[in-house]
N, C-alpha and C. Protein backbone atom coordinates (compact mmCIF):
# COMPACT_ATOMS: atom_id res chain seq x y z
N MET A 1 -4.58 21.67 -52.58
CA MET A 1 -4.26 21.71 -51.18
C MET A 1 -4.91 20.46 -50.42
N GLU A 2 -4.10 19.94 -49.82
CA GLU A 2 -4.64 18.76 -48.78
C GLU A 2 -5.26 19.18 -47.68
N LYS A 3 -6.06 18.75 -47.30
CA LYS A 3 -7.16 18.90 -46.09
C LYS A 3 -7.18 17.75 -45.23
N LEU A 4 -6.47 17.69 -44.04
CA LEU A 4 -6.31 16.68 -42.91
C LEU A 4 -6.78 17.23 -41.61
N GLN A 5 -7.53 16.64 -40.79
CA GLN A 5 -7.99 16.66 -39.67
C GLN A 5 -7.90 15.62 -38.41
N THR A 6 -7.79 15.70 -36.92
CA THR A 6 -7.79 14.65 -36.13
C THR A 6 -8.26 15.51 -34.84
N THR A 7 -8.68 14.58 -34.33
CA THR A 7 -9.57 14.89 -33.00
C THR A 7 -8.86 14.16 -31.86
N LEU A 8 -8.44 14.66 -30.71
CA LEU A 8 -7.62 14.22 -29.74
C LEU A 8 -8.63 14.28 -28.47
N ASP A 9 -7.95 13.41 -27.33
CA ASP A 9 -8.68 13.67 -25.96
C ASP A 9 -7.87 14.55 -25.23
N SER A 10 -8.50 14.90 -24.32
CA SER A 10 -7.73 16.30 -23.20
C SER A 10 -7.14 15.52 -22.65
N VAL A 11 -6.06 14.78 -23.09
CA VAL A 11 -4.91 14.33 -21.95
C VAL A 11 -3.65 14.81 -22.51
N LEU A 12 -2.36 15.25 -21.52
CA LEU A 12 -1.43 15.83 -21.98
C LEU A 12 -0.88 14.55 -23.16
N GLU A 13 -1.08 13.47 -22.93
CA GLU A 13 -0.54 12.44 -23.89
C GLU A 13 -0.61 12.95 -25.39
N SER A 14 -2.05 13.83 -25.90
CA SER A 14 -2.25 14.08 -26.72
C SER A 14 -1.36 14.90 -27.67
N VAL A 15 -0.28 15.41 -26.70
CA VAL A 15 0.18 16.57 -27.21
C VAL A 15 1.44 15.77 -28.22
N ASP A 16 1.90 14.95 -27.79
CA ASP A 16 2.85 14.18 -28.55
C ASP A 16 2.41 13.90 -29.83
N LYS A 17 0.92 13.38 -30.03
CA LYS A 17 0.42 12.91 -31.03
C LYS A 17 0.09 14.37 -32.06
N ALA A 18 -0.04 15.42 -31.54
CA ALA A 18 -0.48 16.69 -32.36
C ALA A 18 0.84 17.12 -32.83
N GLU A 19 1.86 16.92 -32.11
CA GLU A 19 2.81 17.51 -32.71
C GLU A 19 3.68 16.52 -34.10
N GLU A 20 3.36 15.26 -33.67
CA GLU A 20 3.84 14.38 -34.68
C GLU A 20 2.80 14.30 -36.08
N PHE A 21 1.50 14.63 -35.87
CA PHE A 21 0.49 14.55 -36.88
C PHE A 21 1.01 16.08 -37.93
N VAL A 22 1.22 17.11 -37.02
CA VAL A 22 1.77 18.23 -38.15
C VAL A 22 3.42 18.14 -38.66
N ILE A 23 3.94 17.46 -37.87
CA ILE A 23 5.46 17.43 -38.52
C ILE A 23 5.27 16.38 -39.55
N GLN A 24 4.72 15.60 -39.43
CA GLN A 24 4.43 14.59 -40.92
C GLN A 24 3.87 15.19 -42.03
N GLU A 25 2.95 16.31 -41.68
CA GLU A 25 2.37 16.79 -42.68
C GLU A 25 3.22 17.87 -43.12
N ALA A 26 4.28 18.72 -42.18
CA ALA A 26 4.91 19.86 -43.03
C ALA A 26 6.03 19.09 -43.45
N GLY A 27 6.16 18.16 -43.32
CA GLY A 27 7.38 17.18 -44.19
C GLY A 27 6.91 17.22 -45.40
N LYS A 28 5.44 16.55 -45.64
CA LYS A 28 5.14 16.27 -46.86
C LYS A 28 4.98 17.70 -47.81
N ALA A 29 4.84 18.85 -47.05
CA ALA A 29 4.38 20.07 -47.56
C ALA A 29 5.76 20.75 -48.30
N GLY A 30 7.15 19.90 -48.00
CA GLY A 30 8.08 20.62 -48.40
C GLY A 30 8.99 21.20 -47.28
N PHE A 31 8.51 21.41 -46.05
CA PHE A 31 9.19 22.09 -44.90
C PHE A 31 10.50 21.44 -44.48
N ASP A 32 11.68 22.37 -44.42
CA ASP A 32 12.83 21.49 -43.92
C ASP A 32 12.89 20.87 -42.45
N GLU A 33 13.92 20.33 -41.87
CA GLU A 33 13.97 19.86 -40.46
C GLU A 33 13.60 20.85 -39.71
N ASP A 34 14.25 21.88 -39.80
CA ASP A 34 13.99 23.39 -38.86
C ASP A 34 12.52 23.87 -38.63
N GLN A 35 11.97 23.77 -39.83
CA GLN A 35 10.63 24.65 -39.95
C GLN A 35 9.65 23.42 -39.36
N GLN A 36 9.89 22.48 -39.72
CA GLN A 36 8.85 21.17 -39.24
C GLN A 36 9.31 21.21 -37.65
N HIS A 37 10.11 21.34 -37.07
CA HIS A 37 10.34 21.60 -35.64
C HIS A 37 9.74 22.88 -35.36
N GLN A 38 9.85 23.95 -35.85
CA GLN A 38 8.99 24.92 -35.32
C GLN A 38 7.61 24.63 -35.42
N ILE A 39 7.01 24.36 -36.28
CA ILE A 39 5.67 24.11 -36.75
C ILE A 39 5.21 23.20 -35.72
N GLY A 40 6.21 21.82 -35.25
CA GLY A 40 5.71 21.35 -34.38
C GLY A 40 5.56 21.57 -32.81
N MET A 41 6.77 22.43 -32.54
CA MET A 41 6.51 22.99 -31.51
C MET A 41 5.29 24.14 -31.15
N ALA A 42 5.00 24.84 -32.11
CA ALA A 42 4.10 25.82 -32.06
C ALA A 42 2.72 25.17 -31.92
N VAL A 43 2.50 23.96 -32.50
CA VAL A 43 1.13 23.14 -32.14
C VAL A 43 1.34 22.71 -30.95
N ARG A 44 2.22 21.90 -30.65
CA ARG A 44 2.62 21.36 -29.60
C ARG A 44 1.96 22.30 -28.14
N GLU A 45 2.67 23.52 -28.27
CA GLU A 45 2.07 24.78 -27.10
C GLU A 45 0.69 25.02 -27.11
N CYS A 46 0.14 25.05 -28.29
CA CYS A 46 -1.38 25.25 -28.58
C CYS A 46 -2.07 24.29 -28.10
N THR A 47 -1.77 23.07 -28.56
CA THR A 47 -2.32 21.57 -27.59
C THR A 47 -2.26 21.61 -26.36
N VAL A 48 -1.16 21.86 -25.89
CA VAL A 48 -1.27 22.20 -24.31
C VAL A 48 -2.21 23.03 -23.49
N ASN A 49 -2.34 24.31 -24.44
CA ASN A 49 -2.96 25.20 -24.09
C ASN A 49 -4.54 24.91 -24.10
N ALA A 50 -4.56 24.16 -25.12
CA ALA A 50 -6.35 23.47 -25.18
C ALA A 50 -6.46 22.73 -24.44
N VAL A 51 -5.63 21.70 -23.91
CA VAL A 51 -5.86 20.49 -23.21
C VAL A 51 -6.00 21.08 -21.60
N VAL A 52 -4.97 21.71 -21.22
CA VAL A 52 -4.88 22.43 -19.85
C VAL A 52 -5.97 23.61 -19.37
N HIS A 53 -5.85 24.49 -20.10
CA HIS A 53 -6.53 25.74 -20.13
C HIS A 53 -7.53 25.93 -20.81
N GLY A 54 -7.79 25.29 -21.86
CA GLY A 54 -8.99 25.59 -22.44
C GLY A 54 -10.17 24.06 -22.29
N ASN A 55 -9.82 22.98 -22.29
CA ASN A 55 -10.65 22.22 -21.61
C ASN A 55 -10.62 21.49 -20.10
N GLN A 56 -9.54 22.17 -19.45
CA GLN A 56 -9.24 21.85 -18.01
C GLN A 56 -8.93 20.42 -18.11
N GLU A 57 -8.23 19.59 -18.93
CA GLU A 57 -8.02 18.24 -18.65
C GLU A 57 -9.58 17.42 -18.48
N ASP A 58 -10.61 17.79 -19.00
CA ASP A 58 -12.01 17.36 -18.82
C ASP A 58 -11.99 16.03 -19.95
N PRO A 59 -11.99 14.83 -19.21
CA PRO A 59 -11.72 13.76 -20.37
C PRO A 59 -13.17 13.63 -21.30
N GLU A 60 -14.07 14.49 -20.94
CA GLU A 60 -15.33 14.19 -21.87
C GLU A 60 -14.97 15.38 -22.98
N LYS A 61 -14.20 16.21 -23.19
CA LYS A 61 -13.93 17.35 -23.93
C LYS A 61 -12.97 16.88 -25.03
N LYS A 62 -13.11 17.27 -26.21
CA LYS A 62 -11.70 16.86 -27.33
C LYS A 62 -10.95 17.89 -27.84
N VAL A 63 -9.96 17.86 -28.31
CA VAL A 63 -9.30 18.90 -28.90
C VAL A 63 -9.32 18.74 -30.49
N HIS A 64 -9.67 19.37 -31.37
CA HIS A 64 -9.73 19.03 -32.76
C HIS A 64 -8.35 19.96 -33.84
N ILE A 65 -7.86 19.40 -34.25
CA ILE A 65 -6.87 19.87 -35.11
C ILE A 65 -7.31 19.72 -36.70
N ARG A 66 -7.28 20.76 -37.44
CA ARG A 66 -7.22 20.71 -38.70
C ARG A 66 -6.01 21.33 -39.53
N CYS A 67 -5.86 20.70 -40.84
CA CYS A 67 -4.55 21.10 -41.43
C CYS A 67 -4.66 20.96 -42.51
N ARG A 68 -4.18 22.14 -43.24
CA ARG A 68 -4.06 22.41 -45.03
C ARG A 68 -2.82 22.56 -45.18
N CYS A 69 -2.23 21.80 -46.18
CA CYS A 69 -1.11 21.94 -46.60
C CYS A 69 -0.86 21.37 -47.96
N GLY A 70 0.37 21.87 -48.51
CA GLY A 70 0.70 21.30 -50.13
C GLY A 70 2.20 21.81 -50.19
N PRO A 71 2.70 21.12 -51.29
CA PRO A 71 4.09 21.38 -51.59
C PRO A 71 4.24 22.53 -52.18
N GLY A 72 5.08 23.57 -51.57
CA GLY A 72 5.21 25.01 -52.19
C GLY A 72 3.94 25.96 -51.62
N LYS A 73 2.90 25.13 -50.94
CA LYS A 73 1.56 26.41 -50.69
C LYS A 73 1.90 26.58 -49.23
N GLY A 74 2.64 26.05 -48.17
CA GLY A 74 2.81 26.41 -46.91
C GLY A 74 1.63 25.49 -46.27
N ILE A 75 1.48 25.93 -44.95
CA ILE A 75 0.75 24.77 -43.92
C ILE A 75 -0.25 26.20 -43.08
N SER A 76 -1.50 25.45 -43.22
CA SER A 76 -2.45 26.40 -42.19
C SER A 76 -2.83 25.27 -41.14
N ILE A 77 -2.92 25.85 -39.76
CA ILE A 77 -3.35 24.69 -38.84
C ILE A 77 -4.34 25.40 -37.90
N ILE A 78 -5.62 24.92 -37.57
CA ILE A 78 -6.40 25.56 -37.03
C ILE A 78 -6.44 24.16 -35.58
N VAL A 79 -6.71 24.84 -34.35
CA VAL A 79 -6.20 24.04 -33.06
C VAL A 79 -7.69 24.38 -32.19
N THR A 80 -8.75 23.72 -32.15
CA THR A 80 -10.06 24.06 -31.39
C THR A 80 -10.07 23.25 -30.33
N ASP A 81 -10.46 23.79 -29.19
CA ASP A 81 -10.89 23.20 -27.91
C ASP A 81 -12.15 23.55 -27.44
N GLN A 82 -12.63 22.89 -26.72
CA GLN A 82 -14.17 22.78 -26.34
C GLN A 82 -14.39 23.82 -25.21
N GLY A 83 -13.33 24.48 -24.60
CA GLY A 83 -13.64 25.43 -23.25
C GLY A 83 -14.30 26.68 -23.75
N LYS A 84 -14.27 27.72 -22.60
CA LYS A 84 -15.03 28.98 -22.62
C LYS A 84 -13.87 30.04 -23.34
N GLY A 85 -12.87 29.70 -23.57
CA GLY A 85 -12.08 30.70 -24.43
C GLY A 85 -11.28 31.36 -23.32
N PHE A 86 -10.81 32.68 -23.73
CA PHE A 86 -9.92 33.63 -22.91
C PHE A 86 -9.94 34.84 -23.87
N ASP A 87 -9.64 35.90 -22.67
CA ASP A 87 -9.36 37.37 -23.22
C ASP A 87 -8.25 37.71 -23.60
N PHE A 88 -7.83 37.49 -25.00
CA PHE A 88 -6.29 37.66 -25.16
C PHE A 88 -5.52 38.72 -24.88
N GLY A 89 -6.42 40.09 -24.80
CA GLY A 89 -6.05 41.12 -24.67
C GLY A 89 -5.62 41.22 -22.75
N ARG A 90 -6.61 40.67 -21.96
CA ARG A 90 -6.50 41.00 -20.75
C ARG A 90 -5.19 39.86 -20.54
N VAL A 91 -4.78 38.74 -20.98
CA VAL A 91 -3.91 37.80 -20.74
C VAL A 91 -2.71 38.72 -20.96
N LEU A 92 -2.23 39.19 -22.22
CA LEU A 92 -1.11 39.95 -22.44
C LEU A 92 -1.15 40.98 -21.70
N ALA A 93 -1.96 41.70 -20.90
CA ALA A 93 -1.76 42.74 -19.74
C ALA A 93 -1.20 42.25 -18.85
N ASN A 94 -1.78 41.05 -18.49
CA ASN A 94 -1.47 40.36 -16.95
C ASN A 94 -0.14 39.79 -17.01
N GLY A 95 0.85 39.95 -18.07
CA GLY A 95 2.20 39.39 -18.20
C GLY A 95 2.49 37.88 -18.67
N VAL A 96 2.00 37.71 -19.96
CA VAL A 96 2.23 36.77 -20.75
C VAL A 96 3.77 36.83 -20.86
N THR A 97 4.68 35.75 -20.63
CA THR A 97 5.91 36.11 -20.95
C THR A 97 6.61 34.90 -21.79
N ALA A 98 7.62 35.23 -22.52
CA ALA A 98 8.39 34.37 -23.11
C ALA A 98 9.67 33.74 -22.20
N ASP A 99 9.76 33.92 -20.75
CA ASP A 99 10.52 33.54 -20.00
C ASP A 99 10.77 31.98 -19.80
N PRO A 100 11.54 31.42 -20.18
CA PRO A 100 11.38 29.82 -20.27
C PRO A 100 11.53 29.49 -18.80
N ALA A 101 12.05 30.00 -18.35
CA ALA A 101 11.87 29.41 -16.77
C ALA A 101 10.62 29.81 -15.87
N ALA A 102 9.52 30.30 -16.84
CA ALA A 102 8.31 30.80 -15.91
C ALA A 102 7.23 29.30 -16.22
N ALA A 103 6.75 29.18 -15.18
CA ALA A 103 5.76 28.01 -15.38
C ALA A 103 4.76 27.98 -16.39
N HIS A 104 4.38 28.98 -16.60
CA HIS A 104 2.91 29.54 -17.63
C HIS A 104 3.33 30.65 -18.58
N GLY A 105 2.46 30.96 -19.46
CA GLY A 105 2.80 32.27 -20.41
C GLY A 105 3.68 32.31 -21.33
N ARG A 106 4.43 30.92 -21.72
CA ARG A 106 5.10 31.08 -22.83
C ARG A 106 4.98 30.45 -24.05
N GLY A 107 3.88 29.70 -24.01
CA GLY A 107 3.20 29.38 -24.92
C GLY A 107 2.83 30.50 -26.25
N ILE A 108 1.77 31.12 -25.98
CA ILE A 108 1.54 32.41 -26.90
C ILE A 108 3.08 32.74 -27.56
N PRO A 109 3.94 33.52 -26.84
CA PRO A 109 4.87 34.02 -27.78
C PRO A 109 5.34 33.20 -28.37
N LEU A 110 5.73 31.58 -28.11
CA LEU A 110 6.52 30.88 -28.87
C LEU A 110 5.33 30.28 -29.95
N ILE A 111 4.41 30.25 -30.17
CA ILE A 111 3.54 30.03 -30.75
C ILE A 111 3.76 31.30 -32.05
N GLU A 112 3.72 32.37 -31.77
CA GLU A 112 3.96 33.61 -32.52
C GLU A 112 5.20 33.86 -33.01
N ALA A 113 6.19 33.48 -32.37
CA ALA A 113 7.54 33.52 -33.04
C ALA A 113 7.69 32.39 -34.13
N TYR A 114 7.29 30.89 -33.81
CA TYR A 114 7.61 30.13 -34.94
C TYR A 114 6.44 30.17 -36.09
N MET A 115 5.26 30.67 -35.91
CA MET A 115 4.49 30.94 -37.30
C MET A 115 4.42 32.30 -37.67
N ASP A 116 4.44 32.49 -39.33
CA ASP A 116 4.04 33.44 -39.64
C ASP A 116 2.56 34.16 -39.47
N ASP A 117 1.75 33.62 -39.32
CA ASP A 117 0.47 34.43 -38.86
C ASP A 117 -0.04 33.61 -37.65
N VAL A 118 -0.75 34.54 -36.53
CA VAL A 118 -1.38 33.91 -35.72
C VAL A 118 -2.56 34.68 -35.18
N HIS A 119 -3.98 33.90 -35.02
CA HIS A 119 -4.84 34.44 -34.75
C HIS A 119 -5.73 33.94 -34.00
N PHE A 120 -6.81 34.25 -32.76
CA PHE A 120 -7.51 33.92 -32.00
C PHE A 120 -8.96 33.98 -32.61
N ALA A 121 -9.63 32.82 -32.61
CA ALA A 121 -11.28 33.09 -33.01
C ALA A 121 -12.08 32.55 -32.07
N ARG A 122 -13.59 32.44 -31.98
CA ARG A 122 -14.47 31.68 -31.07
C ARG A 122 -14.12 32.15 -29.83
N GLY A 123 -13.68 33.14 -29.45
CA GLY A 123 -13.55 33.92 -28.03
C GLY A 123 -12.09 33.41 -27.60
N GLY A 124 -11.25 33.01 -28.30
CA GLY A 124 -10.29 32.24 -27.80
C GLY A 124 -10.00 30.65 -27.81
N SER A 125 -11.00 30.00 -28.06
CA SER A 125 -10.89 29.08 -27.98
C SER A 125 -10.71 28.28 -29.07
N GLU A 126 -10.54 28.83 -30.13
CA GLU A 126 -9.41 28.28 -31.83
C GLU A 126 -8.45 29.38 -32.06
N VAL A 127 -7.44 28.36 -32.46
CA VAL A 127 -6.20 29.24 -32.73
C VAL A 127 -5.92 29.07 -34.30
N HIS A 128 -5.92 29.90 -35.08
CA HIS A 128 -5.39 29.67 -36.42
C HIS A 128 -4.34 30.32 -36.84
N MET A 129 -3.33 29.29 -37.51
CA MET A 129 -2.09 29.69 -37.48
C MET A 129 -1.19 29.19 -38.73
N SER A 130 -0.46 30.02 -39.10
CA SER A 130 -0.07 29.51 -40.74
C SER A 130 1.53 29.75 -40.90
N LYS A 131 2.40 28.90 -41.72
CA LYS A 131 3.53 29.32 -42.11
C LYS A 131 3.59 29.10 -43.46
N HIS A 132 4.06 30.17 -44.21
CA HIS A 132 4.31 29.90 -45.50
C HIS A 132 5.53 29.32 -45.94
N SER A 133 5.47 28.85 -47.25
CA SER A 133 6.42 27.93 -47.74
C SER A 133 7.50 28.98 -48.38
N ARG A 134 8.80 28.77 -48.19
CA ARG A 134 9.98 29.87 -48.55
C ARG A 134 9.41 29.69 -50.05
N SER A 135 9.01 28.50 -50.69
CA SER A 135 8.99 28.79 -52.23
C SER A 135 7.95 29.52 -52.66
N ALA A 136 6.98 29.29 -52.05
CA ALA A 136 5.70 29.73 -52.61
C ALA A 136 5.68 31.30 -53.08
N SER A 137 5.00 31.43 -54.38
CA SER A 137 5.24 32.59 -54.95
C SER A 137 4.13 33.65 -54.41
N TYR A 138 4.12 34.83 -53.97
CA TYR A 138 3.33 35.72 -53.54
C TYR A 138 3.11 36.91 -54.68
N SER A 139 1.71 37.31 -54.90
CA SER A 139 1.47 38.31 -55.87
C SER A 139 0.84 39.42 -55.03
């Protein structure tokens, strides 16, 4: 399995770079175009959250993206910001919404919809997500 990583500035322009990075790797791992788009959108939403909510667009802070993937093995991505994290349970209780018209609150449901596994670590400042290859064999 190939391991890759990149470090991005805490600016919204980094969102496109993050999406392009994972789409390229997802393609190499054998995901079809629709799956690549889903993976890219999940990382895009996660990177927006890292830049805006985690790092509060502080130019001194960075967003780190680590990716492990391989043909037939799926893709595993970790997005880490340098913020204080967040209380995931409280955020859900306060009305995270999947409503596309809402200004905030749709990122987490989109990430969960597009990826097979999602969990938060380091107090919410790190998101682990993965998507399984349809051709991978599981025992």
